[in-house]
N, C-alpha and C. Protein backbone atom coordinates (compact mmCIF):
# COMPACT_ATOMS: atom_id res chain seq x y z
N UNK A 1 198.13 11.27 81.22
CA UNK A 1 196.94 12.09 81.26
C UNK A 1 197.13 13.20 82.29
N UNK A 2 196.70 14.39 81.92
CA UNK A 2 196.71 15.54 82.82
C UNK A 2 195.27 15.96 83.06
N UNK A 3 194.91 16.17 84.32
CA UNK A 3 193.56 16.62 84.66
C UNK A 3 193.61 18.11 84.98
N UNK A 4 192.68 18.86 84.36
CA UNK A 4 192.59 20.30 84.55
C UNK A 4 191.25 20.65 85.18
N UNK A 5 191.30 21.50 86.19
CA UNK A 5 190.10 21.99 86.86
C UNK A 5 190.00 23.47 86.53
N UNK A 6 189.07 23.81 85.64
CA UNK A 6 188.88 25.20 85.23
C UNK A 6 187.79 25.83 86.09
N UNK A 7 188.18 26.83 86.86
CA UNK A 7 187.27 27.48 87.80
C UNK A 7 186.92 28.85 87.25
N UNK A 8 185.63 29.10 87.08
CA UNK A 8 185.21 30.46 86.76
C UNK A 8 185.32 31.27 88.04
N UNK A 9 185.85 32.46 87.94
CA UNK A 9 186.03 33.32 89.12
C UNK A 9 184.72 33.53 89.88
N UNK A 10 184.84 33.91 91.15
CA UNK A 10 183.68 34.27 91.95
C UNK A 10 183.04 35.55 91.42
N UNK A 11 181.85 35.85 91.95
CA UNK A 11 181.12 37.03 91.49
C UNK A 11 181.94 38.30 91.73
N UNK A 12 182.01 39.10 90.68
CA UNK A 12 182.80 40.34 90.72
C UNK A 12 182.03 41.46 91.41
N UNK A 13 182.78 42.40 91.95
CA UNK A 13 182.20 43.54 92.65
C UNK A 13 181.62 44.58 91.69
N UNK A 14 181.93 44.46 90.41
CA UNK A 14 181.41 45.40 89.41
C UNK A 14 181.24 44.67 88.10
N UNK A 15 180.41 45.22 87.23
CA UNK A 15 180.15 44.62 85.93
C UNK A 15 181.25 44.93 84.92
N UNK A 16 181.23 44.18 83.82
CA UNK A 16 182.23 44.30 82.77
C UNK A 16 182.15 45.63 82.06
N UNK A 17 180.99 46.28 82.16
CA UNK A 17 180.80 47.56 81.48
C UNK A 17 181.04 48.76 82.39
N UNK A 18 181.40 48.52 83.67
CA UNK A 18 181.59 49.64 84.60
C UNK A 18 182.97 49.71 85.23
N UNK A 19 183.72 48.61 85.20
CA UNK A 19 185.04 48.58 85.84
C UNK A 19 185.96 47.68 85.03
N UNK A 20 187.16 48.13 84.70
CA UNK A 20 188.04 47.31 83.87
C UNK A 20 188.62 46.08 84.58
N UNK A 21 188.69 46.10 85.91
CA UNK A 21 189.32 44.98 86.61
C UNK A 21 188.84 44.89 88.06
N UNK A 22 187.57 44.56 88.26
CA UNK A 22 187.06 44.50 89.64
C UNK A 22 187.55 43.25 90.38
N UNK A 23 187.59 43.35 91.67
CA UNK A 23 187.83 42.19 92.52
C UNK A 23 186.52 41.49 92.80
N UNK A 24 186.51 40.65 93.80
CA UNK A 24 185.30 39.91 94.18
C UNK A 24 184.46 40.73 95.15
N UNK A 25 183.14 40.55 95.07
CA UNK A 25 182.29 41.11 96.11
C UNK A 25 182.19 40.06 97.23
N UNK A 26 181.39 40.34 98.27
CA UNK A 26 181.33 39.42 99.41
C UNK A 26 180.78 38.05 99.01
N UNK A 27 179.79 38.01 98.10
CA UNK A 27 179.29 36.72 97.64
C UNK A 27 180.37 35.99 96.86
N UNK A 28 181.10 36.71 96.02
CA UNK A 28 182.19 36.09 95.25
C UNK A 28 183.26 35.50 96.15
N UNK A 29 183.58 36.18 97.23
CA UNK A 29 184.56 35.65 98.19
C UNK A 29 184.03 34.37 98.84
N UNK A 30 182.74 34.36 99.16
CA UNK A 30 182.12 33.15 99.73
C UNK A 30 182.14 32.01 98.71
N UNK A 31 181.83 32.32 97.45
CA UNK A 31 181.88 31.30 96.40
C UNK A 31 183.28 30.71 96.27
N UNK A 32 184.30 31.56 96.36
CA UNK A 32 185.69 31.09 96.28
C UNK A 32 186.01 30.15 97.44
N UNK A 33 185.51 30.46 98.62
CA UNK A 33 185.72 29.57 99.78
C UNK A 33 185.07 28.21 99.53
N UNK A 34 183.85 28.20 98.99
CA UNK A 34 183.17 26.94 98.71
C UNK A 34 183.91 26.14 97.64
N UNK A 35 184.43 26.82 96.61
CA UNK A 35 185.21 26.14 95.58
C UNK A 35 186.46 25.52 96.21
N UNK A 36 187.12 26.27 97.09
CA UNK A 36 188.33 25.75 97.74
C UNK A 36 188.00 24.54 98.61
N UNK A 37 186.85 24.55 99.25
CA UNK A 37 186.43 23.37 100.03
C UNK A 37 186.36 22.13 99.14
N UNK A 38 185.86 22.31 97.91
CA UNK A 38 185.74 21.17 96.99
C UNK A 38 187.07 20.69 96.45
N UNK A 39 187.96 21.63 96.11
CA UNK A 39 189.20 21.26 95.43
C UNK A 39 190.39 21.01 96.36
N UNK A 40 190.37 21.57 97.55
CA UNK A 40 191.52 21.43 98.45
C UNK A 40 191.96 19.98 98.68
N UNK A 41 191.02 19.04 98.84
CA UNK A 41 191.46 17.66 99.07
C UNK A 41 192.26 17.03 97.92
N UNK A 42 192.20 17.61 96.71
CA UNK A 42 192.93 17.06 95.56
C UNK A 42 194.38 17.51 95.52
N UNK A 43 194.77 18.43 96.36
CA UNK A 43 196.09 19.06 96.21
C UNK A 43 197.02 18.85 97.36
N UNK A 44 198.12 19.57 97.26
CA UNK A 44 198.30 20.72 96.36
C UNK A 44 198.59 20.30 94.91
N UNK A 45 197.97 21.05 94.01
CA UNK A 45 198.20 20.92 92.57
C UNK A 45 198.83 22.21 92.08
N UNK A 46 199.29 22.19 90.83
CA UNK A 46 199.71 23.44 90.21
C UNK A 46 198.49 24.35 90.17
N UNK A 47 198.73 25.66 90.29
CA UNK A 47 197.65 26.63 90.34
C UNK A 47 198.03 27.80 89.45
N UNK A 48 197.16 28.09 88.47
CA UNK A 48 197.40 29.26 87.63
C UNK A 48 196.14 30.13 87.61
N UNK A 49 196.34 31.39 87.27
CA UNK A 49 195.24 32.34 87.26
C UNK A 49 195.39 33.31 86.12
N UNK A 50 194.25 33.74 85.62
CA UNK A 50 194.21 34.91 84.75
C UNK A 50 194.82 36.07 85.51
N UNK A 51 195.38 37.04 84.81
CA UNK A 51 195.95 38.20 85.51
C UNK A 51 194.90 39.13 86.13
N UNK A 52 193.63 38.95 85.83
CA UNK A 52 192.61 39.87 86.32
C UNK A 52 192.30 39.60 87.79
N UNK A 53 192.00 40.68 88.49
CA UNK A 53 191.86 40.66 89.95
C UNK A 53 190.85 39.62 90.44
N UNK A 54 189.71 39.51 89.80
CA UNK A 54 188.69 38.57 90.28
C UNK A 54 189.18 37.13 90.23
N UNK A 55 190.00 36.81 89.25
CA UNK A 55 190.57 35.46 89.17
C UNK A 55 191.69 35.27 90.18
N UNK A 56 192.53 36.28 90.31
CA UNK A 56 193.63 36.19 91.30
C UNK A 56 193.08 36.01 92.71
N UNK A 57 192.00 36.74 93.04
CA UNK A 57 191.39 36.60 94.37
C UNK A 57 190.75 35.23 94.54
N UNK A 58 190.13 34.71 93.49
CA UNK A 58 189.53 33.38 93.55
C UNK A 58 190.61 32.33 93.76
N UNK A 59 191.68 32.38 92.99
CA UNK A 59 192.77 31.42 93.11
C UNK A 59 193.47 31.52 94.46
N UNK A 60 193.58 32.72 94.99
CA UNK A 60 194.31 32.93 96.25
C UNK A 60 193.68 32.17 97.41
N UNK A 61 192.36 31.99 97.39
CA UNK A 61 191.70 31.24 98.47
C UNK A 61 192.20 29.80 98.48
N UNK A 62 192.24 29.17 97.31
CA UNK A 62 192.74 27.80 97.22
C UNK A 62 194.24 27.77 97.48
N UNK A 63 194.97 28.74 96.94
CA UNK A 63 196.41 28.81 97.18
C UNK A 63 196.76 28.90 98.65
N UNK A 64 195.97 29.62 99.41
CA UNK A 64 196.22 29.74 100.86
C UNK A 64 196.06 28.39 101.54
N UNK A 65 195.12 27.60 101.09
CA UNK A 65 194.91 26.27 101.68
C UNK A 65 196.10 25.34 101.39
N UNK A 66 196.70 25.53 100.22
CA UNK A 66 197.81 24.67 99.80
C UNK A 66 199.17 25.30 100.06
N UNK A 67 199.19 26.51 100.55
CA UNK A 67 200.44 27.26 100.76
C UNK A 67 201.23 27.40 99.46
N UNK A 68 200.51 27.72 98.38
CA UNK A 68 201.13 27.97 97.08
C UNK A 68 200.57 29.27 96.52
N UNK A 69 201.32 29.88 95.65
CA UNK A 69 200.86 31.08 94.97
C UNK A 69 200.55 30.74 93.52
N UNK A 70 199.47 31.29 93.02
CA UNK A 70 199.09 31.02 91.63
C UNK A 70 200.07 31.68 90.68
N UNK A 71 200.41 30.95 89.62
CA UNK A 71 201.20 31.53 88.54
C UNK A 71 200.24 32.28 87.63
N UNK A 72 200.59 33.49 87.27
CA UNK A 72 199.72 34.30 86.42
C UNK A 72 199.96 33.92 84.96
N UNK A 73 198.84 33.66 84.25
CA UNK A 73 198.92 33.22 82.85
C UNK A 73 197.96 34.06 82.00
N UNK A 74 198.50 34.99 81.21
CA UNK A 74 197.65 35.84 80.36
C UNK A 74 196.82 35.08 79.33
N UNK A 75 197.22 33.88 78.94
CA UNK A 75 196.48 33.14 77.92
C UNK A 75 195.12 32.65 78.41
N UNK A 76 194.87 32.69 79.72
CA UNK A 76 193.56 32.28 80.23
C UNK A 76 192.77 33.50 80.73
N UNK A 77 193.12 34.68 80.24
CA UNK A 77 192.45 35.91 80.64
C UNK A 77 191.09 36.05 79.96
N UNK A 78 190.44 37.15 80.25
CA UNK A 78 189.13 37.46 79.66
C UNK A 78 189.26 37.70 78.16
N UNK A 79 188.22 37.39 77.42
CA UNK A 79 188.19 37.70 75.99
C UNK A 79 188.40 39.21 75.82
N UNK A 80 189.27 39.61 74.92
CA UNK A 80 189.48 41.05 74.74
C UNK A 80 188.30 41.69 74.01
N UNK A 81 187.92 42.87 74.46
CA UNK A 81 186.87 43.59 73.74
C UNK A 81 187.52 44.29 72.55
N UNK A 82 186.74 44.66 71.57
CA UNK A 82 187.30 45.34 70.40
C UNK A 82 188.02 46.63 70.82
N UNK A 83 189.12 46.91 70.15
CA UNK A 83 189.86 48.12 70.45
C UNK A 83 189.01 49.35 70.20
N UNK A 84 189.08 50.30 71.13
CA UNK A 84 188.37 51.55 70.98
C UNK A 84 186.92 51.53 71.42
N UNK A 85 186.39 50.38 71.83
CA UNK A 85 184.99 50.34 72.24
C UNK A 85 184.87 50.99 73.63
N UNK A 86 183.92 51.89 73.81
CA UNK A 86 183.73 52.51 75.12
C UNK A 86 183.33 51.47 76.17
N UNK A 87 183.75 51.69 77.41
CA UNK A 87 183.46 50.76 78.51
C UNK A 87 181.95 50.44 78.57
N UNK A 88 181.11 51.42 78.43
CA UNK A 88 179.67 51.21 78.54
C UNK A 88 179.06 50.37 77.44
N UNK A 89 179.79 50.15 76.35
CA UNK A 89 179.27 49.35 75.23
C UNK A 89 179.82 47.92 75.22
N UNK A 90 180.67 47.60 76.19
CA UNK A 90 181.29 46.28 76.20
C UNK A 90 180.29 45.13 76.39
N UNK A 91 179.31 45.31 77.27
CA UNK A 91 178.36 44.22 77.52
C UNK A 91 177.52 43.93 76.28
N UNK A 92 177.06 44.99 75.59
CA UNK A 92 176.27 44.77 74.36
C UNK A 92 177.11 44.03 73.32
N UNK A 93 178.38 44.42 73.18
CA UNK A 93 179.25 43.71 72.24
C UNK A 93 179.41 42.25 72.66
N UNK A 94 179.66 42.03 73.95
CA UNK A 94 179.89 40.67 74.43
C UNK A 94 178.65 39.80 74.25
N UNK A 95 177.49 40.32 74.55
CA UNK A 95 176.25 39.53 74.37
C UNK A 95 176.09 39.10 72.91
N UNK A 96 176.36 40.02 71.99
CA UNK A 96 176.26 39.68 70.57
C UNK A 96 177.32 38.64 70.19
N UNK A 97 178.54 38.81 70.69
CA UNK A 97 179.63 37.88 70.39
C UNK A 97 179.31 36.48 70.92
N UNK A 98 178.76 36.43 72.11
CA UNK A 98 178.47 35.13 72.74
C UNK A 98 177.36 34.38 72.03
N UNK A 99 176.57 35.06 71.24
CA UNK A 99 175.49 34.40 70.50
C UNK A 99 175.99 33.75 69.22
N UNK A 100 177.26 33.99 68.87
CA UNK A 100 177.77 33.50 67.60
C UNK A 100 178.88 32.47 67.73
N UNK A 101 179.73 32.45 66.72
CA UNK A 101 180.83 31.49 66.67
C UNK A 101 182.17 32.22 66.68
N UNK A 102 183.20 31.48 67.01
CA UNK A 102 184.55 32.03 66.99
C UNK A 102 184.92 32.43 65.57
N UNK A 103 184.57 31.58 64.61
CA UNK A 103 184.90 31.87 63.22
C UNK A 103 184.27 33.19 62.77
N UNK A 104 183.02 33.42 63.14
CA UNK A 104 182.34 34.66 62.75
C UNK A 104 182.98 35.88 63.40
N UNK A 105 183.56 35.72 64.59
CA UNK A 105 184.23 36.85 65.26
C UNK A 105 185.52 37.24 64.56
N UNK A 106 186.13 36.31 63.85
CA UNK A 106 187.32 36.64 63.07
C UNK A 106 188.63 36.21 63.70
N UNK A 107 189.73 36.50 62.99
CA UNK A 107 191.05 35.99 63.37
C UNK A 107 191.53 36.39 64.77
N UNK A 108 191.23 37.60 65.21
CA UNK A 108 191.68 38.01 66.56
C UNK A 108 191.08 37.08 67.61
N UNK A 109 189.84 36.67 67.40
CA UNK A 109 189.15 35.88 68.40
C UNK A 109 189.39 34.38 68.25
N UNK A 110 189.60 33.92 67.03
CA UNK A 110 190.00 32.51 66.90
C UNK A 110 191.40 32.33 67.48
N UNK A 111 192.25 33.36 67.37
CA UNK A 111 193.58 33.30 67.99
C UNK A 111 193.46 33.26 69.52
N UNK A 112 192.53 34.03 70.08
CA UNK A 112 192.29 33.98 71.53
C UNK A 112 191.87 32.57 71.94
N UNK A 113 190.86 32.01 71.24
CA UNK A 113 190.38 30.66 71.53
C UNK A 113 191.51 29.64 71.44
N UNK A 114 192.30 29.73 70.36
CA UNK A 114 193.40 28.78 70.17
C UNK A 114 194.48 28.96 71.22
N UNK A 115 194.66 30.20 71.69
CA UNK A 115 195.63 30.44 72.76
C UNK A 115 195.22 29.79 74.07
N UNK A 116 193.93 29.86 74.38
CA UNK A 116 193.42 29.19 75.59
C UNK A 116 193.68 27.69 75.47
N UNK A 117 193.26 27.10 74.36
CA UNK A 117 193.43 25.65 74.18
C UNK A 117 194.90 25.26 74.20
N UNK A 118 195.74 26.02 73.52
CA UNK A 118 197.17 25.71 73.49
C UNK A 118 197.80 25.78 74.87
N UNK A 119 197.41 26.76 75.64
CA UNK A 119 197.92 26.87 77.02
C UNK A 119 197.56 25.64 77.82
N UNK A 120 196.30 25.24 77.75
CA UNK A 120 195.85 24.08 78.51
C UNK A 120 196.55 22.80 78.05
N UNK A 121 196.71 22.67 76.76
CA UNK A 121 197.39 21.47 76.23
C UNK A 121 198.85 21.40 76.67
N UNK A 122 199.44 22.53 76.99
CA UNK A 122 200.86 22.55 77.37
C UNK A 122 201.11 22.25 78.85
N UNK A 123 200.07 22.17 79.64
CA UNK A 123 200.26 21.98 81.08
C UNK A 123 200.67 20.53 81.36
N UNK A 124 201.82 20.34 82.01
CA UNK A 124 202.34 18.99 82.19
C UNK A 124 201.80 18.26 83.42
N UNK A 125 201.14 18.98 84.33
CA UNK A 125 200.67 18.37 85.58
C UNK A 125 199.21 18.74 85.82
N UNK A 126 198.56 17.96 86.65
CA UNK A 126 197.21 18.31 87.07
C UNK A 126 197.25 19.73 87.62
N UNK A 127 196.28 20.54 87.20
CA UNK A 127 196.33 21.98 87.48
C UNK A 127 194.94 22.53 87.71
N UNK A 128 194.84 23.49 88.61
CA UNK A 128 193.63 24.30 88.78
C UNK A 128 193.88 25.63 88.09
N UNK A 129 192.93 26.06 87.26
CA UNK A 129 193.06 27.29 86.49
C UNK A 129 191.88 28.20 86.84
N UNK A 130 192.15 29.36 87.41
CA UNK A 130 191.10 30.35 87.68
C UNK A 130 191.00 31.24 86.44
N UNK A 131 189.84 31.21 85.81
CA UNK A 131 189.68 31.89 84.53
C UNK A 131 188.30 32.52 84.43
N UNK A 132 187.82 32.68 83.19
CA UNK A 132 186.64 33.45 82.89
C UNK A 132 185.63 32.64 82.08
N UNK A 133 184.39 33.12 82.10
CA UNK A 133 183.28 32.48 81.42
C UNK A 133 183.61 32.12 79.98
N UNK A 134 184.05 33.10 79.19
CA UNK A 134 184.28 32.87 77.77
C UNK A 134 185.52 32.01 77.54
N UNK A 135 186.57 32.23 78.30
CA UNK A 135 187.78 31.43 78.14
C UNK A 135 187.52 29.96 78.45
N UNK A 136 186.74 29.70 79.49
CA UNK A 136 186.42 28.30 79.82
C UNK A 136 185.52 27.71 78.74
N UNK A 137 184.60 28.49 78.21
CA UNK A 137 183.80 28.01 77.09
C UNK A 137 184.67 27.71 75.86
N UNK A 138 185.70 28.50 75.66
CA UNK A 138 186.64 28.23 74.55
C UNK A 138 187.29 26.87 74.74
N UNK A 139 187.67 26.56 75.98
CA UNK A 139 188.28 25.26 76.28
C UNK A 139 187.28 24.12 76.06
N UNK A 140 186.05 24.33 76.51
CA UNK A 140 185.02 23.30 76.31
C UNK A 140 184.80 23.08 74.82
N UNK A 141 184.71 24.17 74.05
CA UNK A 141 184.54 24.04 72.60
C UNK A 141 185.66 23.27 71.95
N UNK A 142 186.89 23.55 72.39
CA UNK A 142 188.04 22.82 71.84
C UNK A 142 187.95 21.33 72.20
N UNK A 143 187.44 21.04 73.39
CA UNK A 143 187.35 19.65 73.83
C UNK A 143 186.26 18.87 73.10
N UNK A 144 185.18 19.55 72.74
CA UNK A 144 184.05 18.84 72.11
C UNK A 144 183.92 19.13 70.61
N UNK A 145 184.83 19.96 70.07
CA UNK A 145 184.79 20.26 68.64
C UNK A 145 183.64 21.15 68.23
N UNK A 146 183.32 22.16 69.04
CA UNK A 146 182.20 23.06 68.78
C UNK A 146 182.73 24.48 68.63
N UNK A 147 182.38 25.16 67.56
CA UNK A 147 182.85 26.51 67.27
C UNK A 147 182.03 27.60 67.96
N UNK A 148 180.96 27.24 68.67
CA UNK A 148 180.14 28.23 69.36
C UNK A 148 180.97 28.92 70.45
N UNK A 149 180.76 30.21 70.62
CA UNK A 149 181.47 30.94 71.67
C UNK A 149 181.00 30.48 73.03
N UNK A 150 179.69 30.29 73.19
CA UNK A 150 179.14 29.83 74.47
C UNK A 150 178.50 28.47 74.29
N UNK A 151 178.96 27.54 75.08
CA UNK A 151 178.41 26.19 75.07
C UNK A 151 177.68 25.91 76.39
N UNK A 152 178.23 26.44 77.48
CA UNK A 152 177.63 26.27 78.81
C UNK A 152 177.54 27.63 79.49
N UNK A 153 176.43 27.87 80.19
CA UNK A 153 176.23 29.10 80.96
C UNK A 153 176.80 28.90 82.36
N UNK A 154 178.10 28.96 82.47
CA UNK A 154 178.82 28.61 83.69
C UNK A 154 178.57 29.59 84.83
N UNK A 155 178.27 29.05 85.99
CA UNK A 155 178.05 29.85 87.19
C UNK A 155 179.39 30.31 87.76
N UNK A 156 179.34 31.34 88.59
CA UNK A 156 180.55 31.78 89.28
C UNK A 156 181.08 30.65 90.16
N UNK A 157 182.36 30.45 90.12
CA UNK A 157 183.09 29.41 90.85
C UNK A 157 182.68 28.00 90.48
N UNK A 158 182.05 27.83 89.31
CA UNK A 158 181.80 26.49 88.81
C UNK A 158 183.14 25.86 88.45
N UNK A 159 183.17 24.55 88.46
CA UNK A 159 184.41 23.80 88.17
C UNK A 159 184.15 22.91 86.96
N UNK A 160 184.87 23.17 85.88
CA UNK A 160 184.81 22.36 84.67
C UNK A 160 186.05 21.49 84.65
N UNK A 161 185.87 20.20 84.43
CA UNK A 161 186.99 19.26 84.45
C UNK A 161 187.28 18.82 83.02
N UNK A 162 188.53 19.00 82.62
CA UNK A 162 188.99 18.61 81.29
C UNK A 162 190.26 17.79 81.44
N UNK A 163 190.34 16.69 80.72
CA UNK A 163 191.56 15.90 80.70
C UNK A 163 192.32 16.17 79.41
N UNK A 164 193.64 16.15 79.50
CA UNK A 164 194.50 16.20 78.33
C UNK A 164 195.01 14.78 78.11
N UNK A 165 194.59 14.19 76.98
CA UNK A 165 194.96 12.82 76.66
C UNK A 165 195.48 12.79 75.23
N UNK A 166 196.70 12.31 75.05
CA UNK A 166 197.29 12.17 73.73
C UNK A 166 197.21 13.46 72.92
N UNK A 167 197.51 14.58 73.57
CA UNK A 167 197.57 15.87 72.88
C UNK A 167 196.23 16.48 72.53
N UNK A 168 195.15 16.02 73.18
CA UNK A 168 193.82 16.56 72.91
C UNK A 168 193.09 16.82 74.23
N UNK A 169 192.21 17.82 74.20
CA UNK A 169 191.37 18.12 75.36
C UNK A 169 190.12 17.26 75.32
N UNK A 170 189.72 16.72 76.47
CA UNK A 170 188.52 15.89 76.59
C UNK A 170 187.69 16.38 77.76
N UNK A 171 186.46 16.77 77.50
CA UNK A 171 185.58 17.24 78.56
C UNK A 171 185.15 16.06 79.43
N UNK A 172 185.42 16.17 80.72
CA UNK A 172 185.02 15.15 81.68
C UNK A 172 183.73 15.56 82.39
N UNK A 173 183.69 16.83 82.80
CA UNK A 173 182.54 17.33 83.54
C UNK A 173 182.39 18.82 83.29
N UNK A 174 181.23 19.22 82.82
CA UNK A 174 180.96 20.64 82.63
C UNK A 174 180.63 21.28 83.97
N UNK A 175 181.05 22.52 84.14
CA UNK A 175 180.77 23.23 85.38
C UNK A 175 179.29 23.50 85.56
N UNK A 176 178.92 23.74 86.81
CA UNK A 176 177.52 24.06 87.15
C UNK A 176 177.07 25.28 86.36
N UNK A 177 175.86 25.22 85.83
CA UNK A 177 175.34 26.32 85.03
C UNK A 177 174.42 27.21 85.85
N UNK A 178 174.31 28.46 85.42
CA UNK A 178 173.47 29.45 86.08
C UNK A 178 172.73 30.27 85.03
N UNK A 179 171.81 31.08 85.50
CA UNK A 179 171.06 31.95 84.60
C UNK A 179 171.85 33.19 84.20
N UNK A 180 172.83 33.58 85.01
CA UNK A 180 173.58 34.80 84.71
C UNK A 180 174.74 34.49 83.78
N UNK A 181 174.96 35.36 82.81
CA UNK A 181 176.05 35.16 81.85
C UNK A 181 177.21 36.09 82.08
N UNK A 182 176.94 37.35 82.37
CA UNK A 182 178.02 38.33 82.44
C UNK A 182 178.01 39.00 83.80
N UNK A 183 179.15 39.02 84.42
CA UNK A 183 179.35 39.77 85.67
C UNK A 183 180.81 39.86 85.92
C-alpha cells in the first residue's frame, strides 16, 4: 500500500483570470507553514509538485523541513483552459466546467483526469503531492468512481489522503472544505 497526501496549494497572490502563474500571497505562505506543521512528522517522504509557482512555493515549505526538493510533475498541474480563451474569461469557463462531468467536457479533459489518476497510481512510495483544486478532485473522483469534476470544495492547503491498494485509488480522508472555489 502507498499513502498519498494531496495538498491543495496555499492561497495565490492573484486570481486565475488575472495572472497565468501567481505565487502565494502572505496568507498562502502562512497556510503552507501550517500544512508543513501537520505533515512534517510523517517524513521525510517523497515530495512532488505541480510546475506552477503556487504549488512549488507550497511544497518548498515542507521540503525545507525535510531537506528535500520537490520533483516537478506536470501530470498534477492545473486543468488546462481551452486553447485561445482570453485570460479574463477563464474563471467563467472554469465555473461552468466545474458544474459538470469529465465526460461532458470531452476527450481532452478525460485525458487530463486519467493522467492525474495514472500518475498517482504509479507512485511507488508514500508521497506528498502539491497540486490544484480540480486535479485533486479528479483524484477523488477516480478513487470513489464519480465522474463529477468537483466532488469536494477543497480549501487552500487542505490535505486529502488517498491510498493506492492493488492498483486502485482509495479515498481515506477528504481535505478540509471551504466556501471559496477558485483562487
